[in-house]
Amino acid sequence: MRILMVGHYPPHPGGVASHLDSLVRELRKRHEVHVLTYGPVEPREFEREFVHQVKVPPIYGLRGTSFAFLGSRKIVRLHRELGFDLIHAHFVGTTGFAGVLAKEKTGLPLVVTAHGSDLEHTAKLALGGFYVKKTLTEADAVIAVSHWLAGKALALGAGRVRVIPNGVRELEGAGEPENGRRHITFIGALREYKSPGTFIELARALPEREFLVVGDGPLRRSLEASAPENVRFLGYRRDVGKILSESALLVLPSRREGFGLVVIEANSLGVPAVGRHVSAVPELIRAGKNGLTFETFDELVEAVRILTEPKKNRKAGAVAKSVAALYSWEAIAAAVEGVYSSVVGQRF
């Protein structure tokens, strides 16, 4: 098959780009996969001819809407040149709406994947809500990365939703820690909905432990100004495997989370996780096995104390590895191919 993926893609950072990168790598073993992403970007050398872009203004709101309309026109032109079998848009919103508009012009089947903030945030905006609902009703197939999101998609108008989670791949820098597993780690964008301030308060409550903040965003400056001395800010890093290999515990204090891939990434290296009991997090953290969930701050502190006790930490880490093994990209790609078969009428 010749497939066109639409969405954020490396060198863009973030969860959607990481998901799409891994899925494309796996599908390219059997299919020709092209990608249309937000420009301007410099594609990686090994796939330069397969990565296409639409240059859009770097202004929130205008950027997405520009991509919806310019992207749809680009899809039509690419289809005339290359002849795709289907479009697979990632993120139900402006990206998905680009696929809807292109489907009207080309007749190509459209698959869309909901990743989280599209249904939990974009859907609540006036124009964003229109894009989301139109995409969900017009798509030939809807995929959600969690059961939580599947329920949201159905409530917003999707006819049927297939749940296919994110996968986990080998992380850059992963290996045996040189100085043991010492850190309690946060990995994510430093934005309000990720609640990094909760992590800083946790560090203040446990001054005897070392805390790492991995990620960047608009809250970084204020967080650094208020953080106690046992917190280090590392910024955006590509070697999260090395960082997690040296971590005793991952903490995910997000107030909403469509999936929470970082939990599975940590688990794959034997690192248990503590996460807020919201959205899809309870689907990933099997309480008392590969980690614990919390609702109040006191519960968070207690969960961290429990899971940093060496014996419990080792036991939870061993279970975590077995949980992460269920999320292989080979299995995820096979499930996605099953969706493709349902809309194209072709077996793989």
Protein backbone atom coordinates (compact mmCIF):
# COMPACT_ATOMS: atom_id res chain seq x y z
CA MET A 1 0.00 0.00 0.00
CA ARG A 2 0.95 3.62 -0.42
CA ILE A 3 -0.07 5.49 2.74
CA LEU A 4 -0.05 9.21 3.54
CA MET A 5 0.37 10.05 7.22
CA VAL A 6 -0.60 13.58 8.27
CA GLY A 7 0.56 15.17 11.53
CA HIS A 8 3.48 16.28 13.66
CA TYR A 9 6.61 14.36 12.75
CA PRO A 10 10.34 14.63 13.56
CA PRO A 11 12.15 16.95 13.83
CA HIS A 12 9.04 18.18 15.68
CA PRO A 13 9.15 17.05 19.33
CA GLY A 14 6.21 15.74 21.33
CA GLY A 15 4.07 12.66 21.79
CA VAL A 16 2.27 12.69 18.41
CA ALA A 17 5.56 13.07 16.52
CA SER A 18 7.14 10.24 18.52
CA HIS A 19 4.10 7.99 17.94
CA LEU A 20 4.04 8.73 14.23
CA ASP A 21 7.79 8.19 13.87
CA SER A 22 7.60 4.72 15.43
CA LEU A 23 4.48 3.69 13.52
CA VAL A 24 5.97 4.82 10.20
CA ARG A 25 9.19 2.89 10.84
CA GLU A 26 7.23 -0.31 11.45
CA LEU A 27 4.81 0.12 8.55
CA ARG A 28 7.65 0.85 6.10
CA LYS A 29 8.71 -2.79 6.46
CA ARG A 30 5.68 -3.66 4.32
CA HIS A 31 4.33 -0.43 2.77
CA GLU A 32 5.40 2.81 1.14
CA VAL A 33 4.65 5.50 3.71
CA HIS A 34 4.77 9.24 3.07
CA VAL A 35 4.28 11.96 5.70
CA LEU A 36 2.82 15.46 5.45
CA THR A 37 3.78 17.65 8.39
CA TYR A 38 3.90 21.24 9.59
CA GLY A 39 6.72 23.29 8.03
CA PRO A 40 9.18 24.70 7.80
CA VAL A 41 11.24 21.64 8.78
CA GLU A 42 14.41 19.96 7.55
CA PRO A 43 13.57 16.28 6.94
CA ARG A 44 16.04 13.59 7.98
CA GLU A 45 18.32 12.54 5.14
CA PHE A 46 17.22 8.89 5.04
CA GLU A 47 13.59 9.81 4.25
CA ARG A 48 13.86 13.14 2.52
CA GLU A 49 11.80 12.07 -0.52
CA PHE A 50 8.99 10.72 1.69
CA VAL A 51 8.48 13.73 3.97
CA HIS A 52 6.39 16.61 2.65
CA GLN A 53 5.48 19.84 4.39
CA VAL A 54 3.20 22.84 4.41
CA LYS A 55 4.72 26.08 5.66
CA VAL A 56 2.39 27.75 8.14
CA PRO A 57 2.70 30.89 10.32
CA PRO A 58 4.04 30.16 13.85
CA ILE A 59 1.00 31.76 15.51
CA TYR A 60 -1.27 29.72 17.78
CA GLY A 61 -4.72 29.29 16.23
CA LEU A 62 -3.74 30.65 12.84
CA ARG A 63 -1.12 27.92 12.49
CA GLY A 64 -3.58 25.05 12.80
CA THR A 65 -6.30 26.56 10.63
CA SER A 66 -3.74 27.41 7.95
CA PHE A 67 -2.59 23.80 7.98
CA ALA A 68 -6.16 22.51 7.66
CA PHE A 69 -6.74 24.34 4.39
CA LEU A 70 -3.23 24.46 2.91
CA GLY A 71 -2.63 20.88 3.99
CA SER A 72 -5.76 19.61 2.25
CA ARG A 73 -4.64 21.25 -1.01
CA LYS A 74 -1.19 19.71 -0.62
CA ILE A 75 -2.72 16.25 -0.07
CA VAL A 76 -4.71 16.57 -3.29
CA ARG A 77 -1.56 17.53 -5.24
CA LEU A 78 0.48 14.71 -3.71
CA HIS A 79 -2.26 12.19 -4.49
CA ARG A 80 -2.30 13.24 -8.16
CA GLU A 81 1.46 12.66 -8.26
CA LEU A 82 1.82 9.54 -6.11
CA GLY A 83 -1.58 7.82 -5.94
CA PHE A 84 -2.24 6.99 -2.28
CA ASP A 85 -4.46 4.17 -1.03
CA LEU A 86 -5.52 6.02 2.12
CA ILE A 87 -4.91 9.02 4.38
CA HIS A 88 -4.16 8.52 8.08
CA ALA A 89 -4.36 11.77 10.07
CA HIS A 90 -2.99 12.00 13.60
CA PHE A 91 -4.73 14.41 15.98
CA VAL A 92 -8.45 14.99 15.60
CA GLY A 93 -8.75 18.70 14.91
CA THR A 94 -7.13 20.86 12.27
CA THR A 95 -4.90 17.99 11.12
CA GLY A 96 -7.86 15.64 10.84
CA PHE A 97 -9.92 18.34 9.14
CA ALA A 98 -7.22 18.64 6.45
CA GLY A 99 -7.87 14.96 5.80
CA VAL A 100 -11.64 15.52 5.65
CA LEU A 101 -11.29 18.28 3.05
CA ALA A 102 -8.85 16.17 1.02
CA LYS A 103 -11.19 13.17 1.18
CA GLU A 104 -13.95 15.28 -0.38
CA LYS A 105 -11.66 16.08 -3.35
CA THR A 106 -9.94 12.69 -3.77
CA GLY A 107 -12.39 10.10 -2.47
CA LEU A 108 -9.55 8.50 -0.47
CA PRO A 109 -10.48 6.60 2.70
CA LEU A 110 -9.62 8.57 5.86
CA VAL A 111 -8.40 7.08 9.13
CA VAL A 112 -7.88 9.39 12.12
CA THR A 113 -6.16 8.74 15.44
CA ALA A 114 -7.15 10.62 18.60
CA HIS A 115 -4.15 11.22 20.85
CA GLY A 116 -5.49 13.15 23.84
CA SER A 117 -5.53 16.92 23.92
CA ASP A 118 -7.48 16.93 20.66
CA LEU A 119 -10.54 15.50 22.42
CA GLU A 120 -9.84 16.85 25.90
CA HIS A 121 -8.90 20.43 24.94
CA THR A 122 -9.36 21.30 21.26
CA ALA A 123 -12.91 19.90 21.26
CA LYS A 124 -13.91 22.50 23.88
CA LEU A 125 -12.89 25.46 21.70
CA ALA A 126 -15.41 27.10 19.37
CA LEU A 127 -13.67 26.53 16.04
CA GLY A 128 -11.68 23.57 17.33
CA GLY A 129 -14.89 21.84 18.36
CA PHE A 130 -16.21 22.16 14.81
CA TYR A 131 -13.02 20.64 13.37
CA VAL A 132 -13.12 17.77 15.87
CA LYS A 133 -16.78 16.86 15.39
CA LYS A 134 -16.61 17.14 11.61
CA THR A 135 -13.53 14.91 11.52
CA LEU A 136 -15.04 12.26 13.79
CA THR A 137 -18.25 12.03 11.75
CA GLU A 138 -16.59 12.09 8.31
CA ALA A 139 -13.67 9.70 8.94
CA ASP A 140 -13.99 6.14 7.64
CA ALA A 141 -12.32 4.81 10.78
CA VAL A 142 -11.44 6.35 14.15
CA ILE A 143 -8.64 5.05 16.37
CA ALA A 144 -8.17 6.15 19.99
CA VAL A 145 -5.02 5.41 21.98
CA SER A 146 -7.01 4.66 25.16
CA HIS A 147 -10.47 3.52 26.23
CA TRP A 148 -10.88 6.89 27.98
CA LEU A 149 -10.43 8.70 24.67
CA ALA A 150 -12.65 6.22 22.84
CA GLY A 151 -15.50 7.21 25.15
CA LYS A 152 -14.83 10.88 24.42
CA ALA A 153 -14.81 10.23 20.67
CA LEU A 154 -18.13 8.39 20.79
CA ALA A 155 -19.70 11.21 22.82
CA LEU A 156 -18.50 13.72 20.21
CA GLY A 157 -20.08 11.91 17.28
CA ALA A 158 -17.81 9.08 16.16
CA GLY A 159 -19.79 6.10 14.92
CA ARG A 160 -17.34 3.42 16.03
CA VAL A 161 -13.91 3.60 17.61
CA ARG A 162 -11.06 1.09 17.67
CA VAL A 163 -8.72 1.31 20.68
CA ILE A 164 -5.07 0.83 19.69
CA PRO A 165 -2.61 2.11 22.31
CA ASN A 166 0.77 3.72 21.80
CA GLY A 167 3.76 1.43 21.53
CA VAL A 168 7.17 1.69 23.11
CA ARG A 169 10.50 1.40 21.32
CA GLU A 170 14.09 1.15 22.50
CA LEU A 171 15.04 4.44 24.12
CA GLU A 172 18.19 6.34 23.24
CA GLY A 173 20.88 6.08 25.89
CA ALA A 174 19.21 3.26 27.82
CA GLY A 175 21.55 0.94 29.70
CA GLU A 176 22.82 -0.07 33.10
CA PRO A 177 23.06 2.95 35.43
CA GLU A 178 26.60 3.90 36.41
CA ASN A 179 25.64 5.17 39.86
CA GLY A 180 22.44 3.25 40.59
CA ARG A 181 18.84 4.40 40.35
CA ARG A 182 18.74 7.58 42.40
CA HIS A 183 16.34 10.05 40.87
CA ILE A 184 12.64 10.71 41.03
CA THR A 185 11.85 12.00 37.57
CA PHE A 186 9.28 14.12 35.74
CA ILE A 187 9.29 14.06 31.92
CA GLY A 188 6.94 16.30 29.97
CA ALA A 189 6.07 19.76 28.73
CA LEU A 190 6.24 22.42 31.42
CA ARG A 191 2.65 23.53 30.95
CA GLU A 192 -0.26 23.90 33.35
CA TYR A 193 -2.11 20.72 32.39
CA LYS A 194 1.02 18.63 33.07
CA SER A 195 1.04 20.09 36.61
CA PRO A 196 4.84 20.29 37.04
CA GLY A 197 4.22 22.52 40.07
CA THR A 198 2.89 19.46 41.90
CA PHE A 199 6.22 17.74 41.24
CA ILE A 200 8.09 20.72 42.70
CA GLU A 201 5.93 20.58 45.83
CA LEU A 202 6.70 16.87 46.08
CA ALA A 203 10.42 17.65 46.02
CA ARG A 204 9.89 20.16 48.81
CA ALA A 205 8.07 17.50 50.86
CA LEU A 206 10.90 14.98 50.36
CA PRO A 207 14.14 16.98 50.74
CA GLU A 208 16.24 13.83 51.20
CA ARG A 209 15.56 12.67 47.59
CA GLU A 210 16.97 13.88 44.26
CA PHE A 211 14.45 15.14 41.66
CA LEU A 212 14.88 15.65 37.91
CA VAL A 213 12.68 17.75 35.63
CA VAL A 214 13.07 16.80 31.96
CA GLY A 215 11.28 19.03 29.49
CA ASP A 216 10.73 22.65 28.58
CA GLY A 217 7.86 25.08 28.29
CA PRO A 218 6.42 28.42 29.39
CA LEU A 219 6.46 27.52 33.12
CA ARG A 220 10.15 26.69 33.29
CA ARG A 221 11.40 30.06 34.50
CA SER A 222 8.89 30.34 37.35
CA LEU A 223 9.41 26.71 38.35
CA GLU A 224 13.18 27.13 38.52
CA ALA A 225 12.74 30.25 40.64
CA SER A 226 10.56 28.44 43.18
CA ALA A 227 12.18 24.99 43.23
CA PRO A 228 14.15 23.72 46.25
CA GLU A 229 17.82 22.75 45.94
CA ASN A 230 17.11 19.02 45.45
CA VAL A 231 15.58 19.66 41.98
CA ARG A 232 17.60 19.79 38.75
CA PHE A 233 16.14 21.07 35.46
CA LEU A 234 17.59 19.32 32.39
CA GLY A 235 15.46 20.93 29.66
CA TYR A 236 14.39 19.05 26.55
CA ARG A 237 16.50 15.91 26.11
CA ARG A 238 16.70 13.16 23.52
CA ASP A 239 18.53 10.70 25.79
CA VAL A 240 15.53 9.97 28.01
CA GLY A 241 16.60 6.33 28.05
CA LYS A 242 19.76 7.23 29.96
CA ILE A 243 17.83 9.45 32.36
CA LEU A 244 15.19 6.81 33.06
CA SER A 245 17.87 4.15 33.49
CA GLU A 246 19.19 6.22 36.41
CA SER A 247 15.72 6.85 37.87
CA ALA A 248 14.08 4.97 40.72
CA LEU A 249 10.63 6.31 39.93
CA LEU A 250 8.67 8.30 37.35
CA VAL A 251 6.00 10.74 38.53
CA LEU A 252 3.18 11.80 36.20
CA PRO A 253 1.09 14.51 37.92
CA SER A 254 -0.84 15.56 34.76
CA ARG A 255 -4.41 16.77 35.21
CA ARG A 256 -5.37 15.17 31.88
CA GLU A 257 -3.53 12.58 29.83
CA GLY A 258 -4.85 10.93 26.67
CA PHE A 259 -2.42 8.05 27.05
CA GLY A 260 0.77 8.78 29.01
CA LEU A 261 3.44 7.12 26.85
CA VAL A 262 6.19 8.12 29.27
CA VAL A 263 4.74 5.61 31.79
CA ILE A 264 5.31 2.72 29.37
CA GLU A 265 8.74 4.08 28.41
CA ALA A 266 9.74 4.12 32.06
CA ASN A 267 8.22 0.67 32.63
CA SER A 268 10.22 -0.75 29.71
CA LEU A 269 13.39 0.04 31.68
CA GLY A 270 12.06 -1.40 34.92
CA VAL A 271 11.04 1.95 36.39
CA PRO A 272 7.65 1.98 38.17
CA ALA A 273 5.41 5.05 37.95
CA VAL A 274 3.15 7.14 40.16
CA GLY A 275 0.41 8.99 38.27
CA ARG A 276 -2.63 11.08 39.02
CA HIS A 277 -5.86 9.05 38.83
CA VAL A 278 -7.28 10.88 35.80
CA SER A 279 -8.11 10.23 32.13
CA ALA A 280 -6.27 7.21 30.73
CA VAL A 281 -3.64 6.96 33.47
CA PRO A 282 -5.43 4.15 35.40
CA GLU A 283 -5.39 2.10 32.18
CA LEU A 284 -1.59 2.18 32.20
CA ILE A 285 -0.69 2.13 35.88
CA ARG A 286 -2.06 -1.07 37.37
CA ALA A 287 -2.21 0.01 40.98
CA GLY A 288 0.01 -2.03 43.24
CA LYS A 289 1.75 -3.72 40.30
CA ASN A 290 3.73 -1.47 37.95
CA GLY A 291 3.07 1.62 40.09
CA LEU A 292 0.47 3.52 42.06
CA THR A 293 -2.09 6.26 41.37
CA PHE A 294 -3.04 9.20 43.56
CA GLU A 295 -5.81 11.75 43.95
CA THR A 296 -4.58 13.97 46.81
CA PHE A 297 -1.13 15.38 47.45
CA ASP A 298 -0.80 13.33 50.64
CA GLU A 299 -1.52 10.19 48.62
CA LEU A 300 1.20 11.21 46.16
CA VAL A 301 3.79 11.61 48.92
CA GLU A 302 2.83 8.26 50.44
CA ALA A 303 2.93 6.49 47.06
CA VAL A 304 6.43 7.82 46.39
CA ARG A 305 7.62 6.72 49.81
CA ILE A 306 6.22 3.23 49.23
CA LEU A 307 7.69 2.77 45.76
CA THR A 308 11.14 4.12 46.63
CA GLU A 309 11.57 1.48 49.34
CA PRO A 310 14.24 -0.73 47.66
CA LYS A 311 12.48 -4.10 47.85
CA LYS A 312 9.13 -2.73 46.65
CA ASN A 313 10.88 -0.69 43.97
CA ARG A 314 12.61 -3.78 42.54
CA LYS A 315 9.40 -5.84 42.59
CA ALA A 316 7.31 -3.11 40.93
CA GLY A 317 10.08 -2.54 38.37
CA ALA A 318 10.08 -6.21 37.38
CA VAL A 319 6.30 -6.18 36.89
CA ALA A 320 6.64 -2.90 34.96
CA LYS A 321 8.91 -4.55 32.40
CA SER A 322 6.37 -7.30 31.75
CA VAL A 323 3.59 -4.71 31.35
CA ALA A 324 5.66 -2.66 28.85
CA ALA A 325 6.29 -5.80 26.77
CA LEU A 326 2.59 -5.78 25.83
CA TYR A 327 3.07 -2.49 23.94
CA SER A 328 5.40 -3.55 21.12
CA TRP A 329 5.29 -1.49 17.92
CA GLU A 330 5.10 -4.69 15.89
CA ALA A 331 1.76 -5.53 17.54
CA ILE A 332 0.51 -1.94 17.33
CA ALA A 333 1.31 -1.67 13.61
CA ALA A 334 -0.45 -4.99 12.92
CA ALA A 335 -3.58 -3.66 14.65
CA VAL A 336 -3.43 -0.45 12.59
CA GLU A 337 -3.11 -2.54 9.41
CA GLY A 338 -6.32 -4.29 10.46
CA VAL A 339 -8.06 -0.92 10.46
CA TYR A 340 -6.61 -0.15 7.03
CA SER A 341 -8.00 -3.46 5.74
CA SER A 342 -11.46 -2.51 6.97
CA VAL A 343 -11.53 0.76 5.01
CA VAL A 344 -9.65 -0.31 1.88
CA GLY A 345 -10.97 -3.87 1.60
CA GLN A 346 -7.50 -5.37 1.30
CA ARG A 347 -5.77 -7.94 3.51
CA PHE A 348 -2.12 -7.72 4.54
